[in-house]
Amino acid sequence: LAVRPLAAGPEFPIALLTSRTRALARADEMMRDQIRAACSAVLGGDKAKA
């Protein structure tokens, strides 16, 4: 599977690239929230929710 990262070509439309970047950013944000929740649960239970 040959994928040239950040290459805007005929097989890689810019619209698809931006929507994919947005989806990745959203997933990254959700993962960060889960990690933060897990860390606060480990560190101090529900009191450490920040």
C-alpha atoms as a PDB file:
ATOM      1  CA  LEU A   1       0.000   0.000   0.000  1.00  0.00           C
ATOM      2  CA  ALA A   2       1.852   3.047  -1.268  1.00  0.00           C
ATOM      3  CA  VAL A   3       0.562   6.222   0.330  1.00  0.00           C
ATOM      4  CA  ARG A   4       2.502   9.423  -0.075  1.00  0.00           C
ATOM      5  CA  PRO A   5       1.763  11.400   3.092  1.00  0.00           C
ATOM      6  CA  LEU A   6       0.379  14.915   2.564  1.00  0.00           C
ATOM      7  CA  ALA A   7       0.522  14.543  -1.211  1.00  0.00           C
ATOM      8  CA  ALA A   8      -2.329  16.293  -2.988  1.00  0.00           C
ATOM      9  CA  GLY A   9      -2.617  14.388  -6.228  1.00  0.00           C
ATOM     10  CA  PRO A  10      -5.342  12.884  -8.417  1.00  0.00           C
ATOM     11  CA  GLU A  11      -5.628   9.900  -6.065  1.00  0.00           C
ATOM     12  CA  PHE A  12      -5.406  12.111  -2.983  1.00  0.00           C
ATOM     13  CA  PRO A  13      -7.917  14.974  -3.246  1.00  0.00           C
ATOM     14  CA  ILE A  14      -7.407  17.878  -0.879  1.00  0.00           C
ATOM     15  CA  ALA A  15     -10.982  17.594   0.411  1.00  0.00           C
ATOM     16  CA  LEU A  16     -10.382  13.978   1.403  1.00  0.00           C
ATOM     17  CA  LEU A  17      -7.092  14.970   3.003  1.00  0.00           C
ATOM     18  CA  THR A  18      -8.643  17.721   5.115  1.00  0.00           C
ATOM     19  CA  SER A  19     -11.615  15.585   6.206  1.00  0.00           C
ATOM     20  CA  ARG A  20      -9.228  12.780   7.127  1.00  0.00           C
ATOM     21  CA  THR A  21      -7.053  15.219   9.098  1.00  0.00           C
ATOM     22  CA  ARG A  22     -10.142  16.486  10.894  1.00  0.00           C
ATOM     23  CA  ALA A  23     -11.211  12.929  11.755  1.00  0.00           C
ATOM     24  CA  LEU A  24      -7.714  12.109  12.995  1.00  0.00           C
ATOM     25  CA  ALA A  25      -7.656  15.247  15.129  1.00  0.00           C
ATOM     26  CA  ARG A  26     -11.029  14.306  16.611  1.00  0.00           C
ATOM     27  CA  ALA A  27      -9.851  10.767  17.366  1.00  0.00           C
ATOM     28  CA  ASP A  28      -6.657  12.154  18.895  1.00  0.00           C
ATOM     29  CA  GLU A  29      -8.713  14.462  21.092  1.00  0.00           C
ATOM     30  CA  MET A  30     -10.940  11.595  22.243  1.00  0.00           C
ATOM     31  CA  MET A  31      -7.915   9.442  23.000  1.00  0.00           C
ATOM     32  CA  ARG A  32      -6.347  12.262  24.995  1.00  0.00           C
ATOM     33  CA  ASP A  33      -9.569  12.612  27.002  1.00  0.00           C
ATOM     34  CA  GLN A  34      -9.562   8.878  27.743  1.00  0.00           C
ATOM     35  CA  ILE A  35      -5.912   8.986  28.809  1.00  0.00           C
ATOM     36  CA  ARG A  36      -6.586  11.993  31.032  1.00  0.00           C
ATOM     37  CA  ALA A  37      -9.572  10.224  32.589  1.00  0.00           C
ATOM     38  CA  ALA A  38      -7.524   7.065  33.181  1.00  0.00           C
ATOM     39  CA  CYS A  39      -4.673   9.054  34.716  1.00  0.00           C
ATOM     40  CA  SER A  40      -6.992  10.947  37.048  1.00  0.00           C
ATOM     41  CA  ALA A  41      -8.659   7.672  38.037  1.00  0.00           C
ATOM     42  CA  VAL A  42      -5.268   6.166  38.850  1.00  0.00           C
ATOM     43  CA  LEU A  43      -3.916   9.250  40.605  1.00  0.00           C
ATOM     44  CA  GLY A  44      -6.796  10.328  42.784  1.00  0.00           C
ATOM     45  CA  GLY A  45     -10.113   8.886  41.745  1.00  0.00           C
ATOM     46  CA  ASP A  46     -12.904  11.263  40.771  1.00  0.00           C
ATOM     47  CA  LYS A  47     -11.404  14.123  42.779  1.00  0.00           C
ATOM     48  CA  ALA A  48      -8.615  14.601  40.215  1.00  0.00           C
ATOM     49  CA  LYS A  49     -10.986  15.362  37.326  1.00  0.00           C
ATOM     50  CA  ALA A  50      -9.438  18.385  35.657  1.00  0.00           C
END
